[in-house]
Amino acid sequence: QVQLAQAGGGLAQAGGSLRLSCAASGRTFGINVLAWYRQAPGKQRDMVASISGSGTTNYADSVKGRFTISRDNAKKMVYLQMNSLKPEDTAVYYCKADRGSYQYWGQGTQVTVSS
C-alpha cells in the first residue's frame, strides 16, 4: 500500500504563486507516474501535470508555461510549483501515484485564487 500526504495550498492573489508538495510512504517501490489533478465544484477531476519515472513531463494546456511538476525520488516527493495564478485555477488539488494498474490518491488540498 502507498500513502500520499499533501502539503501547501491556500490562498493567493491573481498573478501570485503557490507550491504544493506530496510525500509518499509505505510500499513505494515500483511507483512509475506521479501526477497532480484538480477538481472545481461541478466539474470533473482533470489532470494538471504528470511526470514519469524517467522525468518526462506533461501539462494540461491551461497551465502550460505557468506550472512546473518535479519529483525527488530519494525523498519520495513530488511538487507542483504554480506561478502566474489565475482565479480559474481555484480548485481542490490532488496528487496521484500509479503502480501498474493501481492508483493512489492524496487527501486533497484547497487552492483559492482571488481576483
N, C-alpha and C. Protein backbone atom coordinates (compact mmCIF):
# COMPACT_ATOMS: atom_id res chain seq x y z
N GLN A 1 0.84 -1.19 0.00
CA GLN A 1 0.00 0.00 0.00
C GLN A 1 0.88 1.25 0.00
N VAL A 2 0.35 2.33 -0.57
CA VAL A 2 1.03 3.61 -0.65
C VAL A 2 0.14 4.67 -0.02
N GLN A 3 0.73 5.51 0.80
CA GLN A 3 0.04 6.65 1.36
C GLN A 3 0.66 7.93 0.82
N LEU A 4 -0.19 8.89 0.46
CA LEU A 4 0.25 10.17 -0.08
C LEU A 4 -0.24 11.29 0.82
N ALA A 5 0.68 12.06 1.36
CA ALA A 5 0.37 13.16 2.26
C ALA A 5 0.70 14.48 1.58
N GLN A 6 -0.30 15.34 1.42
CA GLN A 6 -0.12 16.59 0.73
C GLN A 6 0.10 17.75 1.71
N ALA A 7 0.81 18.77 1.22
CA ALA A 7 1.01 19.99 1.96
C ALA A 7 1.05 21.15 0.98
N GLY A 8 0.87 22.35 1.50
CA GLY A 8 0.82 23.53 0.67
C GLY A 8 -0.61 23.92 0.36
N GLY A 9 -0.77 24.71 -0.65
CA GLY A 9 -2.07 25.23 -0.99
C GLY A 9 -2.42 26.43 -0.13
N GLY A 10 -3.65 26.87 -0.25
CA GLY A 10 -4.11 28.02 0.49
C GLY A 10 -4.63 29.10 -0.43
N LEU A 11 -4.44 30.33 -0.02
CA LEU A 11 -4.98 31.48 -0.73
C LEU A 11 -3.86 32.27 -1.39
N ALA A 12 -4.09 32.67 -2.62
CA ALA A 12 -3.15 33.52 -3.35
C ALA A 12 -3.93 34.53 -4.17
N GLN A 13 -3.28 35.63 -4.46
CA GLN A 13 -3.86 36.62 -5.36
C GLN A 13 -3.55 36.26 -6.80
N ALA A 14 -4.38 36.73 -7.70
CA ALA A 14 -4.11 36.54 -9.12
C ALA A 14 -2.73 37.07 -9.45
N GLY A 15 -1.97 36.27 -10.19
CA GLY A 15 -0.60 36.61 -10.51
C GLY A 15 0.41 36.11 -9.51
N GLY A 16 -0.05 35.58 -8.39
CA GLY A 16 0.85 35.09 -7.35
C GLY A 16 1.27 33.65 -7.58
N SER A 17 1.92 33.08 -6.57
CA SER A 17 2.48 31.74 -6.67
C SER A 17 2.16 30.92 -5.43
N LEU A 18 2.07 29.62 -5.63
CA LEU A 18 1.94 28.65 -4.56
C LEU A 18 2.73 27.41 -4.94
N ARG A 19 3.16 26.67 -3.94
CA ARG A 19 3.88 25.43 -4.16
C ARG A 19 3.22 24.31 -3.38
N LEU A 20 2.84 23.26 -4.06
CA LEU A 20 2.25 22.09 -3.45
C LEU A 20 3.29 20.98 -3.35
N SER A 21 3.22 20.19 -2.31
CA SER A 21 4.10 19.05 -2.17
C SER A 21 3.30 17.83 -1.78
N CYS A 22 3.84 16.67 -2.08
CA CYS A 22 3.19 15.40 -1.80
C CYS A 22 4.26 14.39 -1.45
N ALA A 23 4.15 13.80 -0.27
CA ALA A 23 5.13 12.84 0.22
C ALA A 23 4.53 11.44 0.21
N ALA A 24 5.26 10.51 -0.37
CA ALA A 24 4.81 9.13 -0.43
C ALA A 24 5.45 8.31 0.67
N SER A 25 4.69 7.40 1.22
CA SER A 25 5.19 6.49 2.24
C SER A 25 4.54 5.13 2.06
N GLY A 26 5.02 4.16 2.81
CA GLY A 26 4.52 2.81 2.67
C GLY A 26 5.33 2.04 1.65
N ARG A 27 4.65 1.17 0.92
CA ARG A 27 5.30 0.35 -0.09
C ARG A 27 5.41 1.15 -1.38
N THR A 28 6.45 1.97 -1.49
CA THR A 28 6.61 2.88 -2.61
C THR A 28 7.44 2.32 -3.76
N PHE A 29 8.06 1.19 -3.57
CA PHE A 29 8.88 0.61 -4.62
C PHE A 29 8.03 0.32 -5.85
N GLY A 30 8.53 0.71 -7.01
CA GLY A 30 7.87 0.41 -8.26
C GLY A 30 6.91 1.47 -8.76
N ILE A 31 6.73 2.56 -8.01
CA ILE A 31 5.87 3.64 -8.47
C ILE A 31 6.45 4.25 -9.73
N ASN A 32 5.61 4.43 -10.73
CA ASN A 32 6.06 4.97 -12.00
C ASN A 32 5.63 6.43 -12.14
N VAL A 33 4.42 6.66 -12.63
CA VAL A 33 3.96 8.01 -12.92
C VAL A 33 3.42 8.68 -11.66
N LEU A 34 3.81 9.93 -11.48
CA LEU A 34 3.25 10.80 -10.46
C LEU A 34 2.54 11.95 -11.16
N ALA A 35 1.43 12.39 -10.58
CA ALA A 35 0.64 13.40 -11.26
C ALA A 35 -0.10 14.27 -10.26
N TRP A 36 -0.52 15.43 -10.73
CA TRP A 36 -1.39 16.33 -10.00
C TRP A 36 -2.69 16.49 -10.77
N TYR A 37 -3.79 16.39 -10.06
CA TYR A 37 -5.12 16.61 -10.59
C TYR A 37 -5.79 17.74 -9.83
N ARG A 38 -6.84 18.29 -10.42
CA ARG A 38 -7.63 19.28 -9.70
C ARG A 38 -9.10 19.11 -10.06
N GLN A 39 -9.95 19.52 -9.14
CA GLN A 39 -11.38 19.42 -9.33
C GLN A 39 -12.06 20.64 -8.73
N ALA A 40 -12.75 21.38 -9.57
CA ALA A 40 -13.54 22.52 -9.14
C ALA A 40 -14.98 22.07 -8.96
N PRO A 41 -15.76 22.80 -8.15
CA PRO A 41 -17.16 22.42 -7.94
C PRO A 41 -17.92 22.29 -9.26
N GLY A 42 -18.65 21.20 -9.41
CA GLY A 42 -19.44 20.98 -10.60
C GLY A 42 -18.66 20.52 -11.81
N LYS A 43 -17.36 20.28 -11.66
CA LYS A 43 -16.54 19.85 -12.78
C LYS A 43 -15.88 18.51 -12.47
N GLN A 44 -15.43 17.85 -13.51
CA GLN A 44 -14.75 16.58 -13.35
C GLN A 44 -13.32 16.82 -12.88
N ARG A 45 -12.73 15.76 -12.34
CA ARG A 45 -11.35 15.82 -11.90
C ARG A 45 -10.44 15.64 -13.11
N ASP A 46 -9.61 16.63 -13.38
CA ASP A 46 -8.76 16.64 -14.56
C ASP A 46 -7.29 16.65 -14.18
N MET A 47 -6.48 16.02 -15.01
CA MET A 47 -5.05 16.02 -14.78
C MET A 47 -4.46 17.37 -15.13
N VAL A 48 -3.64 17.88 -14.24
CA VAL A 48 -2.95 19.14 -14.43
C VAL A 48 -1.55 18.93 -14.98
N ALA A 49 -0.83 17.99 -14.39
CA ALA A 49 0.55 17.71 -14.78
C ALA A 49 0.91 16.31 -14.35
N SER A 50 1.81 15.70 -15.09
CA SER A 50 2.32 14.38 -14.74
C SER A 50 3.80 14.31 -15.02
N ILE A 51 4.46 13.39 -14.35
CA ILE A 51 5.89 13.19 -14.56
C ILE A 51 6.17 11.70 -14.45
N SER A 52 6.89 11.17 -15.42
CA SER A 52 7.20 9.75 -15.46
C SER A 52 8.42 9.45 -14.61
N GLY A 53 8.71 8.17 -14.46
CA GLY A 53 9.89 7.77 -13.72
C GLY A 53 11.18 8.25 -14.34
N SER A 54 11.18 8.46 -15.64
CA SER A 54 12.36 8.95 -16.34
C SER A 54 12.43 10.46 -16.39
N GLY A 55 11.41 11.15 -15.88
CA GLY A 55 11.42 12.60 -15.84
C GLY A 55 10.65 13.28 -16.93
N THR A 56 9.99 12.53 -17.80
CA THR A 56 9.18 13.12 -18.85
C THR A 56 7.93 13.76 -18.26
N THR A 57 7.66 15.00 -18.63
CA THR A 57 6.53 15.74 -18.07
C THR A 57 5.47 16.01 -19.12
N ASN A 58 4.23 16.12 -18.65
CA ASN A 58 3.11 16.53 -19.47
C ASN A 58 2.25 17.50 -18.68
N TYR A 59 1.69 18.48 -19.39
CA TYR A 59 0.88 19.51 -18.76
C TYR A 59 -0.40 19.72 -19.53
N ALA A 60 -1.45 20.03 -18.78
CA ALA A 60 -2.68 20.50 -19.42
C ALA A 60 -2.41 21.83 -20.09
N ASP A 61 -3.07 22.07 -21.21
CA ASP A 61 -2.86 23.31 -21.94
C ASP A 61 -3.15 24.54 -21.07
N SER A 62 -4.09 24.41 -20.16
CA SER A 62 -4.49 25.54 -19.35
C SER A 62 -3.41 26.01 -18.37
N VAL A 63 -2.43 25.15 -18.07
CA VAL A 63 -1.40 25.50 -17.10
C VAL A 63 -0.01 25.52 -17.71
N LYS A 64 0.12 25.13 -18.95
CA LYS A 64 1.43 25.06 -19.59
C LYS A 64 2.10 26.43 -19.58
N GLY A 65 3.36 26.44 -19.17
CA GLY A 65 4.10 27.68 -19.07
C GLY A 65 3.96 28.38 -17.73
N ARG A 66 3.02 27.94 -16.90
CA ARG A 66 2.81 28.55 -15.59
C ARG A 66 3.12 27.60 -14.44
N PHE A 67 2.81 26.31 -14.63
CA PHE A 67 3.03 25.31 -13.59
C PHE A 67 4.22 24.43 -13.95
N THR A 68 4.90 23.94 -12.93
CA THR A 68 6.02 23.02 -13.12
C THR A 68 5.91 21.87 -12.14
N ILE A 69 5.93 20.65 -12.66
CA ILE A 69 5.93 19.47 -11.81
C ILE A 69 7.35 18.94 -11.71
N SER A 70 7.73 18.47 -10.54
CA SER A 70 9.05 17.90 -10.34
C SER A 70 8.95 16.78 -9.32
N ARG A 71 9.95 15.93 -9.29
CA ARG A 71 9.97 14.83 -8.33
C ARG A 71 11.37 14.65 -7.77
N ASP A 72 11.43 14.17 -6.55
CA ASP A 72 12.68 13.84 -5.89
C ASP A 72 12.51 12.41 -5.40
N ASN A 73 13.06 11.48 -6.16
CA ASN A 73 12.87 10.07 -5.84
C ASN A 73 13.52 9.67 -4.52
N ALA A 74 14.67 10.28 -4.22
CA ALA A 74 15.34 9.97 -2.96
C ALA A 74 14.49 10.37 -1.76
N LYS A 75 13.80 11.49 -1.87
CA LYS A 75 12.93 11.97 -0.80
C LYS A 75 11.50 11.46 -0.92
N LYS A 76 11.21 10.77 -2.02
CA LYS A 76 9.87 10.26 -2.28
C LYS A 76 8.85 11.39 -2.27
N MET A 77 9.18 12.46 -2.98
CA MET A 77 8.35 13.65 -3.01
C MET A 77 8.03 14.03 -4.46
N VAL A 78 6.87 14.63 -4.64
CA VAL A 78 6.51 15.26 -5.90
C VAL A 78 5.99 16.65 -5.58
N TYR A 79 6.31 17.61 -6.44
CA TYR A 79 5.98 19.00 -6.20
C TYR A 79 5.23 19.58 -7.39
N LEU A 80 4.45 20.60 -7.11
CA LEU A 80 3.83 21.39 -8.16
C LEU A 80 4.04 22.86 -7.84
N GLN A 81 4.89 23.50 -8.62
CA GLN A 81 5.10 24.93 -8.49
C GLN A 81 4.12 25.65 -9.40
N MET A 82 3.29 26.51 -8.83
CA MET A 82 2.25 27.20 -9.56
C MET A 82 2.55 28.69 -9.56
N ASN A 83 2.81 29.23 -10.73
CA ASN A 83 3.09 30.64 -10.90
C ASN A 83 2.01 31.29 -11.76
N SER A 84 1.98 32.62 -11.72
CA SER A 84 1.02 33.38 -12.51
C SER A 84 -0.39 32.84 -12.33
N LEU A 85 -0.78 32.66 -11.10
CA LEU A 85 -2.06 32.04 -10.79
C LEU A 85 -3.22 32.89 -11.28
N LYS A 86 -4.27 32.20 -11.70
CA LYS A 86 -5.49 32.82 -12.17
C LYS A 86 -6.66 32.36 -11.31
N PRO A 87 -7.72 33.15 -11.22
CA PRO A 87 -8.90 32.68 -10.48
C PRO A 87 -9.42 31.34 -10.98
N GLU A 88 -9.26 31.06 -12.25
CA GLU A 88 -9.70 29.79 -12.82
C GLU A 88 -8.93 28.60 -12.28
N ASP A 89 -7.80 28.83 -11.62
CA ASP A 89 -7.03 27.76 -11.01
C ASP A 89 -7.62 27.31 -9.68
N THR A 90 -8.60 28.01 -9.17
CA THR A 90 -9.23 27.65 -7.90
C THR A 90 -9.86 26.27 -8.00
N ALA A 91 -9.44 25.38 -7.10
CA ALA A 91 -9.92 24.00 -7.11
C ALA A 91 -9.31 23.27 -5.93
N VAL A 92 -9.76 22.04 -5.72
CA VAL A 92 -9.09 21.13 -4.82
C VAL A 92 -8.07 20.35 -5.64
N TYR A 93 -6.83 20.34 -5.19
CA TYR A 93 -5.75 19.69 -5.90
C TYR A 93 -5.38 18.38 -5.21
N TYR A 94 -5.17 17.35 -6.02
CA TYR A 94 -4.84 16.02 -5.53
C TYR A 94 -3.57 15.52 -6.20
N CYS A 95 -2.70 14.88 -5.44
CA CYS A 95 -1.60 14.16 -6.05
C CYS A 95 -1.99 12.71 -6.23
N LYS A 96 -1.40 12.08 -7.23
CA LYS A 96 -1.71 10.69 -7.56
C LYS A 96 -0.44 9.95 -7.92
N ALA A 97 -0.34 8.72 -7.48
CA ALA A 97 0.75 7.84 -7.83
C ALA A 97 0.20 6.60 -8.51
N ASP A 98 0.87 6.17 -9.56
CA ASP A 98 0.48 4.97 -10.30
C ASP A 98 1.53 3.89 -10.13
N ARG A 99 1.07 2.66 -9.95
CA ARG A 99 1.93 1.49 -9.97
C ARG A 99 1.16 0.37 -10.63
N GLY A 100 1.58 0.04 -11.84
CA GLY A 100 0.80 -0.90 -12.61
C GLY A 100 -0.59 -0.35 -12.84
N SER A 101 -1.59 -1.15 -12.55
CA SER A 101 -2.97 -0.74 -12.72
C SER A 101 -3.56 -0.06 -11.49
N TYR A 102 -2.77 0.11 -10.44
CA TYR A 102 -3.26 0.68 -9.20
C TYR A 102 -3.00 2.17 -9.13
N GLN A 103 -3.93 2.89 -8.53
CA GLN A 103 -3.84 4.32 -8.35
C GLN A 103 -3.96 4.65 -6.86
N TYR A 104 -3.12 5.56 -6.40
CA TYR A 104 -3.14 6.01 -5.02
C TYR A 104 -3.28 7.52 -5.01
N TRP A 105 -4.16 8.02 -4.14
CA TRP A 105 -4.51 9.43 -4.12
C TRP A 105 -4.17 10.09 -2.80
N GLY A 106 -3.73 11.35 -2.88
CA GLY A 106 -3.58 12.16 -1.70
C GLY A 106 -4.93 12.64 -1.20
N GLN A 107 -4.91 13.31 -0.04
CA GLN A 107 -6.17 13.71 0.58
C GLN A 107 -6.79 14.95 -0.05
N GLY A 108 -6.04 15.66 -0.87
CA GLY A 108 -6.53 16.87 -1.50
C GLY A 108 -6.26 18.10 -0.66
N THR A 109 -6.04 19.21 -1.32
CA THR A 109 -5.84 20.48 -0.63
C THR A 109 -6.47 21.60 -1.46
N GLN A 110 -7.09 22.55 -0.78
CA GLN A 110 -7.78 23.63 -1.45
C GLN A 110 -6.80 24.70 -1.89
N VAL A 111 -6.93 25.12 -3.13
CA VAL A 111 -6.21 26.27 -3.67
C VAL A 111 -7.25 27.28 -4.11
N THR A 112 -7.16 28.48 -3.56
CA THR A 112 -8.09 29.55 -3.90
C THR A 112 -7.31 30.75 -4.40
N VAL A 113 -7.68 31.24 -5.57
CA VAL A 113 -7.01 32.38 -6.18
C VAL A 113 -8.04 33.51 -6.29
N SER A 114 -7.76 34.62 -5.65
CA SER A 114 -8.67 35.75 -5.65
C SER A 114 -8.42 36.64 -6.86
N SER A 115 -9.48 37.35 -7.26
CA SER A 115 -9.39 38.24 -8.41
C SER A 115 -8.61 39.49 -8.08
